[in-house]
PDB file of N, CA and C in Angstrom:
ATOM      1  N   MET A   1      72.179 132.360  56.216  1.00  0.00           N
ATOM      2  CA  MET A   1      71.230 131.861  56.960  1.00  0.00           C
ATOM      3  C   MET A   1      71.776 131.500  58.432  1.00  0.00           C
ATOM      4  N   SER A   2      71.099 131.972  59.434  1.00  0.00           N
ATOM      5  CA  SER A   2      71.484 131.583  60.796  1.00  0.00           C
ATOM      6  C   SER A   2      71.178 130.404  61.169  1.00  0.00           C
ATOM      7  N   ALA A   3      71.874 130.165  62.347  1.00  0.00           N
ATOM      8  CA  ALA A   3      71.815 128.651  62.729  1.00  0.00           C
ATOM      9  C   ALA A   3      70.509 128.610  63.644  1.00  0.00           C
ATOM     10  N   GLU A   4      69.673 129.651  63.820  1.00  0.00           N
ATOM     11  CA  GLU A   4      68.497 129.439  64.449  1.00  0.00           C
ATOM     12  C   GLU A   4      67.243 129.371  63.287  1.00  0.00           C
ATOM     13  N   THR A   5      67.486 129.902  62.116  1.00  0.00           N
ATOM     14  CA  THR A   5      66.604 129.693  61.187  1.00  0.00           C
ATOM     15  C   THR A   5      66.835 128.739  59.907  1.00  0.00           C
ATOM     16  N   ASN A   6      68.182 128.180  60.033  1.00  0.00           N
ATOM     17  CA  ASN A   6      68.660 126.935  58.971  1.00  0.00           C
ATOM     18  C   ASN A   6      67.642 125.883  59.272  1.00  0.00           C
ATOM     19  N   GLY A   7      67.133 125.053  58.348  1.00  0.00           N
ATOM     20  CA  GLY A   7      66.149 124.106  58.536  1.00  0.00           C
ATOM     21  C   GLY A   7      67.109 123.128  59.158  1.00  0.00           C
ATOM     22  N   ALA A   8      66.420 122.171  59.644  1.00  0.00           N
ATOM     23  CA  ALA A   8      67.088 120.841  60.197  1.00  0.00           C
ATOM     24  C   ALA A   8      66.369 119.799  59.584  1.00  0.00           C
ATOM     25  N   MET A   9      67.250 118.851  59.995  1.00  0.00           N
ATOM     26  CA  MET A   9      66.721 117.379  59.658  1.00  0.00           C
ATOM     27  C   MET A   9      66.167 116.707  60.950  1.00  0.00           C
ATOM     28  N   PRO A  10      64.946 116.052  61.142  1.00  0.00           N
ATOM     29  CA  PRO A  10      64.703 115.021  60.252  1.00  0.00           C
ATOM     30  C   PRO A  10      63.214 115.949  59.320  1.00  0.00           C
ATOM     31  N   ALA A  11      62.929 117.151  59.675  1.00  0.00           N
ATOM     32  CA  ALA A  11      61.975 117.623  58.756  1.00  0.00           C
ATOM     33  C   ALA A  11      62.487 118.362  57.656  1.00  0.00           C
ATOM     34  N   THR A  12      62.290 117.775  56.556  1.00  0.00           N
ATOM     35  CA  THR A  12      62.729 118.499  55.347  1.00  0.00           C
ATOM     36  C   THR A  12      61.410 119.251  54.609  1.00  0.00           C
ATOM     37  N   ALA A  13      62.118 120.120  53.554  1.00  0.00           N
ATOM     38  CA  ALA A  13      61.361 121.069  52.824  1.00  0.00           C
ATOM     39  C   ALA A  13      60.356 120.381  51.857  1.00  0.00           C
ATOM     40  N   PHE A  14      59.044 120.674  52.145  1.00  0.00           N
ATOM     41  CA  PHE A  14      58.301 120.455  50.982  1.00  0.00           C
ATOM     42  C   PHE A  14      57.248 121.487  50.543  1.00  0.00           C
ATOM     43  N   ASN A  15      56.578 121.357  49.488  1.00  0.00           N
ATOM     44  CA  ASN A  15      55.804 122.151  48.573  1.00  0.00           C
ATOM     45  C   ASN A  15      54.263 121.798  48.646  1.00  0.00           C
ATOM     46  N   GLU A  16      53.628 123.021  48.735  1.00  0.00           N
ATOM     47  CA  GLU A  16      52.033 122.343  48.628  1.00  0.00           C
ATOM     48  C   GLU A  16      51.427 123.719  48.302  1.00  0.00           C
ATOM     49  N   ASN A  17      50.180 123.824  47.619  1.00  0.00           N
ATOM     50  CA  ASN A  17      49.320 124.866  47.160  1.00  0.00           C
ATOM     51  C   ASN A  17      48.537 125.079  48.413  1.00  0.00           C
ATOM     52  N   ASP A  18      48.175 126.189  48.973  1.00  0.00           N
ATOM     53  CA  ASP A  18      47.449 126.314  49.927  1.00  0.00           C
ATOM     54  C   ASP A  18      45.960 126.610  49.556  1.00  0.00           C
ATOM     55  N   HIS A  19      45.117 126.510  50.253  1.00  0.00           N
ATOM     56  CA  HIS A  19      43.700 126.718  50.248  1.00  0.00           C
ATOM     57  C   HIS A  19      43.245 127.898  49.449  1.00  0.00           C
ATOM     58  N   ASP A  20      44.115 128.846  49.745  1.00  0.00           N
ATOM     59  CA  ASP A  20      43.932 130.284  49.149  1.00  0.00           C
ATOM     60  C   ASP A  20      44.727 130.534  47.707  1.00  0.00           C
ATOM     61  N   GLY A  21      45.017 129.293  47.136  1.00  0.00           N
ATOM     62  CA  GLY A  21      45.448 129.189  45.859  1.00  0.00           C
ATOM     63  C   GLY A  21      46.974 129.866  45.807  1.00  0.00           C
ATOM     64  N   TYR A  22      47.448 130.151  46.921  1.00  0.00           N
ATOM     65  CA  TYR A  22      49.360 130.465  46.742  1.00  0.00           C
ATOM     66  C   TYR A  22      50.013 129.255  47.122  1.00  0.00           C
ATOM     67  N   TYR A  23      50.907 129.076  46.327  1.00  0.00           N
ATOM     68  CA  TYR A  23      52.009 128.014  46.599  1.00  0.00           C
ATOM     69  C   TYR A  23      52.811 128.377  47.534  1.00  0.00           C
ATOM     70  N   THR A  24      53.218 127.378  48.547  1.00  0.00           N
ATOM     71  CA  THR A  24      54.009 127.868  49.947  1.00  0.00           C
ATOM     72  C   THR A  24      54.792 126.550  50.086  1.00  0.00           C
ATOM     73  N   THR A  25      56.306 126.975  50.411  1.00  0.00           N
ATOM     74  CA  THR A  25      57.295 126.019  50.888  1.00  0.00           C
ATOM     75  C   THR A  25      57.099 125.818  52.426  1.00  0.00           C
ATOM     76  N   HIS A  26      57.010 124.897  52.844  1.00  0.00           N
ATOM     77  CA  HIS A  26      57.504 124.621  54.441  1.00  0.00           C
ATOM     78  C   HIS A  26      58.788 123.992  54.587  1.00  0.00           C
ATOM     79  N   TYR A  27      59.298 124.423  55.288  1.00  0.00           N
ATOM     80  CA  TYR A  27      61.084 124.346  55.485  1.00  0.00           C
ATOM     81  C   TYR A  27      61.080 123.328  56.736  1.00  0.00           C
ATOM     82  N   GLY A  28      60.139 122.829  57.565  1.00  0.00           N
ATOM     83  CA  GLY A  28      60.300 122.002  58.604  1.00  0.00           C
ATOM     84  C   GLY A  28      60.954 122.860  59.843  1.00  0.00           C
ATOM     85  N   LEU A  29      61.435 121.993  60.676  1.00  0.00           N
ATOM     86  CA  LEU A  29      61.884 122.562  61.871  1.00  0.00           C
ATOM     87  C   LEU A  29      63.214 123.417  61.984  1.00  0.00           C
ATOM     88  N   THR A  30      63.076 124.311  62.426  1.00  0.00           N
ATOM     89  CA  THR A  30      64.558 124.893  62.744  1.00  0.00           C
ATOM     90  C   THR A  30      65.539 124.222  63.607  1.00  0.00           C
ATOM     91  N   LYS A  31      66.667 124.623  63.810  1.00  0.00           N
ATOM     92  CA  LYS A  31      67.731 123.867  64.704  1.00  0.00           C
ATOM     93  C   LYS A  31      67.177 124.132  66.270  1.00  0.00           C
ATOM     94  N   ARG A  32      66.901 125.323  66.340  1.00  0.00           N
ATOM     95  CA  ARG A  32      66.379 125.726  67.551  1.00  0.00           C
ATOM     96  C   ARG A  32      65.365 124.743  68.159  1.00  0.00           C
ATOM     97  N   GLU A  33      64.221 124.801  67.215  1.00  0.00           N
ATOM     98  CA  GLU A  33      63.139 123.957  67.395  1.00  0.00           C
ATOM     99  C   GLU A  33      63.256 122.185  67.907  1.00  0.00           C
ATOM    100  N   LEU A  34      64.239 122.123  66.916  1.00  0.00           N
ATOM    101  CA  LEU A  34      64.697 120.636  66.963  1.00  0.00           C
ATOM    102  C   LEU A  34      65.565 120.208  68.492  1.00  0.00           C
ATOM    103  N   PHE A  35      66.364 121.109  68.721  1.00  0.00           N
ATOM    104  CA  PHE A  35      67.047 121.054  69.798  1.00  0.00           C
ATOM    105  C   PHE A  35      66.403 121.326  71.161  1.00  0.00           C
ATOM    106  N   ALA A  36      65.401 122.214  71.135  1.00  0.00           N
ATOM    107  CA  ALA A  36      64.958 122.196  72.210  1.00  0.00           C
ATOM    108  C   ALA A  36      63.771 120.915  72.485  1.00  0.00           C
ATOM    109  N   ALA A  37      63.083 120.453  71.245  1.00  0.00           N
ATOM    110  CA  ALA A  37      62.106 119.344  71.395  1.00  0.00           C
ATOM    111  C   ALA A  37      63.099 117.990  72.037  1.00  0.00           C
ATOM    112  N   MET A  38      64.366 118.169  71.814  1.00  0.00           N
ATOM    113  CA  MET A  38      65.317 116.903  72.145  1.00  0.00           C
ATOM    114  C   MET A  38      65.398 116.896  73.652  1.00  0.00           C
ATOM    115  N   ALA A  39      65.694 118.355  74.117  1.00  0.00           N
ATOM    116  CA  ALA A  39      65.981 118.566  75.507  1.00  0.00           C
ATOM    117  C   ALA A  39      64.610 118.101  76.428  1.00  0.00           C
ATOM    118  N   MET A  40      63.428 118.547  75.942  1.00  0.00           N
ATOM    119  CA  MET A  40      62.468 118.403  76.625  1.00  0.00           C
ATOM    120  C   MET A  40      62.064 116.865  76.674  1.00  0.00           C
ATOM    121  N   GLN A  41      62.692 115.870  75.436  1.00  0.00           N
ATOM    122  CA  GLN A  41      62.225 114.596  75.305  1.00  0.00           C
ATOM    123  C   GLN A  41      63.202 114.115  76.419  1.00  0.00           C
ATOM    124  N   GLY A  42      64.537 114.543  76.749  1.00  0.00           N
ATOM    125  CA  GLY A  42      65.229 114.232  77.560  1.00  0.00           C
ATOM    126  C   GLY A  42      64.896 114.441  79.068  1.00  0.00           C
ATOM    127  N   LEU A  43      64.251 115.506  79.261  1.00  0.00           N
ATOM    128  CA  LEU A  43      63.899 115.789  80.488  1.00  0.00           C
ATOM    129  C   LEU A  43      62.937 115.059  80.816  1.00  0.00           C
ATOM    130  N   LEU A  44      61.745 114.748  80.135  1.00  0.00           N
ATOM    131  CA  LEU A  44      60.389 114.225  80.230  1.00  0.00           C
ATOM    132  C   LEU A  44      60.605 112.552  80.436  1.00  0.00           C
ATOM    133  N   ALA A  45      61.745 111.983  79.635  1.00  0.00           N
ATOM    134  CA  ALA A  45      62.073 110.678  79.939  1.00  0.00           C
ATOM    135  C   ALA A  45      62.861 110.389  81.428  1.00  0.00           C
ATOM    136  N   ARG A  46      63.546 111.599  81.904  1.00  0.00           N
ATOM    137  CA  ARG A  46      64.276 111.202  83.348  1.00  0.00           C
ATOM    138  C   ARG A  46      63.217 111.194  84.169  1.00  0.00           C
ATOM    139  N   TYR A  47      62.352 112.392  84.272  1.00  0.00           N
ATOM    140  CA  TYR A  47      61.618 112.806  85.436  1.00  0.00           C
ATOM    141  C   TYR A  47      59.988 112.515  85.110  1.00  0.00           C
ATOM    142  N   GLY A  48      59.571 112.231  83.695  1.00  0.00           N
ATOM    143  CA  GLY A  48      58.112 112.094  83.853  1.00  0.00           C
ATOM    144  C   GLY A  48      57.787 113.618  83.588  1.00  0.00           C
ATOM    145  N   ASP A  49      56.217 113.767  83.425  1.00  0.00           N
ATOM    146  CA  ASP A  49      55.573 114.992  83.494  1.00  0.00           C
ATOM    147  C   ASP A  49      54.972 115.207  84.754  1.00  0.00           C
ATOM    148  N   ASP A  50      54.808 114.761  85.596  1.00  0.00           N
ATOM    149  CA  ASP A  50      54.042 114.894  86.966  1.00  0.00           C
ATOM    150  C   ASP A  50      55.047 115.994  88.117  1.00  0.00           C
ATOM    151  N   ASP A  51      56.329 115.844  87.624  1.00  0.00           N
ATOM    152  CA  ASP A  51      56.926 116.569  88.657  1.00  0.00           C
ATOM    153  C   ASP A  51      57.293 118.134  88.069  1.00  0.00           C
ATOM    154  N   TYR A  52      57.040 118.371  87.045  1.00  0.00           N
ATOM    155  CA  TYR A  52      57.091 119.646  86.459  1.00  0.00           C
ATOM    156  C   TYR A  52      55.913 120.020  85.794  1.00  0.00           C
ATOM    157  N   GLN A  53      55.777 121.527  85.946  1.00  0.00           N
ATOM    158  CA  GLN A  53      54.814 122.103  84.952  1.00  0.00           C
ATOM    159  C   GLN A  53      55.162 122.387  83.600  1.00  0.00           C
ATOM    160  N   ALA A  54      53.895 122.347  82.732  1.00  0.00           N
ATOM    161  CA  ALA A  54      54.465 122.462  81.552  1.00  0.00           C
ATOM    162  C   ALA A  54      55.208 123.533  80.829  1.00  0.00           C
ATOM    163  N   ALA A  55      54.834 124.900  81.424  1.00  0.00           N
ATOM    164  CA  ALA A  55      55.661 126.149  81.347  1.00  0.00           C
ATOM    165  C   ALA A  55      57.000 126.107  81.660  1.00  0.00           C
ATOM    166  N   ALA A  56      57.139 125.476  82.810  1.00  0.00           N
ATOM    167  CA  ALA A  56      58.700 125.124  83.158  1.00  0.00           C
ATOM    168  C   ALA A  56      59.610 124.300  82.391  1.00  0.00           C
ATOM    169  N   ILE A  57      58.798 123.169  81.941  1.00  0.00           N
ATOM    170  CA  ILE A  57      59.605 122.149  81.211  1.00  0.00           C
ATOM    171  C   ILE A  57      59.753 122.968  79.711  1.00  0.00           C
ATOM    172  N   ALA A  58      58.982 123.786  79.264  1.00  0.00           N
ATOM    173  CA  ALA A  58      59.305 124.363  77.992  1.00  0.00           C
ATOM    174  C   ALA A  58      60.252 125.378  78.151  1.00  0.00           C
ATOM    175  N   LYS A  59      60.151 126.165  79.056  1.00  0.00           N
ATOM    176  CA  LYS A  59      61.338 127.235  79.365  1.00  0.00           C
ATOM    177  C   LYS A  59      62.802 126.762  79.223  1.00  0.00           C
ATOM    178  N   TRP A  60      62.900 125.635  80.177  1.00  0.00           N
ATOM    179  CA  TRP A  60      64.041 124.853  80.554  1.00  0.00           C
ATOM    180  C   TRP A  60      64.446 124.570  78.894  1.00  0.00           C
ATOM    181  N   SER A  61      63.775 123.919  78.088  1.00  0.00           N
ATOM    182  CA  SER A  61      64.044 123.297  76.987  1.00  0.00           C
ATOM    183  C   SER A  61      64.521 124.078  76.034  1.00  0.00           C
ATOM    184  N   VAL A  62      64.169 125.230  76.019  1.00  0.00           N
ATOM    185  CA  VAL A  62      64.279 126.496  74.900  1.00  0.00           C
ATOM    186  C   VAL A  62      65.642 126.841  75.560  1.00  0.00           C
ATOM    187  N   GLU A  63      65.840 127.223  76.822  1.00  0.00           N
ATOM    188  CA  GLU A  63      67.124 127.641  77.434  1.00  0.00           C
ATOM    189  C   GLU A  63      68.465 126.947  76.917  1.00  0.00           C
ATOM    190  N   LYS A  64      68.335 125.298  76.988  1.00  0.00           N
ATOM    191  CA  LYS A  64      69.101 124.193  77.028  1.00  0.00           C
ATOM    192  C   LYS A  64      69.579 124.833  74.992  1.00  0.00           C
ATOM    193  N   ALA A  65      68.456 124.577  74.332  1.00  0.00           N
ATOM    194  CA  ALA A  65      68.318 124.873  73.029  1.00  0.00           C
ATOM    195  C   ALA A  65      69.239 126.224  72.481  1.00  0.00           C
ATOM    196  N   ASP A  66      69.020 127.267  73.200  1.00  0.00           N
ATOM    197  CA  ASP A  66      69.942 128.545  72.994  1.00  0.00           C
ATOM    198  C   ASP A  66      71.319 128.359  73.357  1.00  0.00           C
ATOM    199  N   ALA A  67      71.383 127.673  74.452  1.00  0.00           N
ATOM    200  CA  ALA A  67      72.864 127.589  75.013  1.00  0.00           C
ATOM    201  C   ALA A  67      73.479 126.683  73.815  1.00  0.00           C
ATOM    202  N   LEU A  68      73.122 125.758  73.213  1.00  0.00           N
ATOM    203  CA  LEU A  68      73.770 124.793  72.290  1.00  0.00           C
ATOM    204  C   LEU A  68      74.065 125.439  71.101  1.00  0.00           C
ATOM    205  N   LEU A  69      73.182 126.385  70.785  1.00  0.00           N
ATOM    206  CA  LEU A  69      73.206 127.362  69.480  1.00  0.00           C
ATOM    207  C   LEU A  69      74.284 128.222  69.683  1.00  0.00           C
ATOM    208  N   GLU A  70      74.357 128.492  70.752  1.00  0.00           N
ATOM    209  CA  GLU A  70      75.331 129.925  71.461  1.00  0.00           C
ATOM    210  C   GLU A  70      76.577 129.030  71.192  1.00  0.00           C
ATOM    211  N   GLU A  71      76.811 128.033  72.098  1.00  0.00           N
ATOM    212  CA  GLU A  71      78.174 127.273  71.726  1.00  0.00           C
ATOM    213  C   GLU A  71      78.478 126.997  70.350  1.00  0.00           C
ATOM    214  N   LEU A  72      77.637 126.159  69.462  1.00  0.00           N
ATOM    215  CA  LEU A  72      77.901 125.980  68.001  1.00  0.00           C
ATOM    216  C   LEU A  72      78.180 127.262  67.337  1.00  0.00           C
ATOM    217  N   ALA A  73      77.918 128.280  67.577  1.00  0.00           N
ATOM    218  CA  ALA A  73      78.255 129.506  67.046  1.00  0.00           C
ATOM    219  C   ALA A  73      79.589 130.104  67.223  1.00  0.00           C
ATOM    220  N   LYS A  74      80.045 129.728  68.420  1.00  0.00           N
ATOM    221  CA  LYS A  74      81.603 130.108  68.875  1.00  0.00           C
ATOM    222  C   LYS A  74      82.195 129.253  68.024  1.00  0.00           C
ATOM    223  N   GLY A  75      82.216 127.865  67.715  1.00  0.00           N
ATOM    224  CA  GLY A  75      82.839 127.015  66.876  1.00  0.00           C
ATOM    225  C   GLY A  75      82.838 127.639  65.418  1.00  0.00           C
ATOM    226  N   GLU A  76      81.930 128.195  65.008  1.00  0.00           N
ATOM    227  CA  GLU A  76      81.908 128.806  63.508  1.00  0.00           C
ATOM    228  C   GLU A  76      82.570 129.931  63.502  1.00  0.00           C
ATOM    229  N   ARG A  77      82.705 130.744  64.655  1.00  0.00           N
ATOM    230  CA  ARG A  77      83.435 131.989  64.430  1.00  0.00           C
ATOM    231  C   ARG A  77      84.975 131.602  64.418  1.00  0.00           C
ATOM    232  N   ASN A  78      85.126 130.651  65.214  1.00  0.00           N
ATOM    233  CA  ASN A  78      86.668 130.250  65.304  1.00  0.00           C
ATOM    234  C   ASN A  78      87.037 129.366  64.270  1.00  0.00           C
ATOM    235  N   GLY A  79      86.250 129.215  63.207  1.00  0.00           N
ATOM    236  CA  GLY A  79      86.477 128.225  61.916  1.00  0.00           C
ATOM    237  C   GLY A  79      86.624 126.777  62.163  1.00  0.00           C
ATOM    238  N   ARG A  80      85.543 126.401  63.279  1.00  0.00           N
ATOM    239  CA  ARG A  80      85.644 125.047  63.293  1.00  0.00           C
ATOM    240  C   ARG A  80      84.553 124.335  62.720  1.00  0.00           C
TER     241      ARG A  80
END
């Protein structure tokens, strides 16, 4: 399982029966989604949402999440 798809806390897995009768497992947020949300939260806390457009905020947040995942992967490759 890669760092991008590996489930992250605090969203934990839960099961439910869908409306169509199929049993579904929901795994919560990926690490990428969680890191992007945290980056977005920090940006909005610092600057507010009046100074930036939503698309720019989203793009910046995902770029920061991807950079963190890339750096974490380097540590995994080096046995850290």
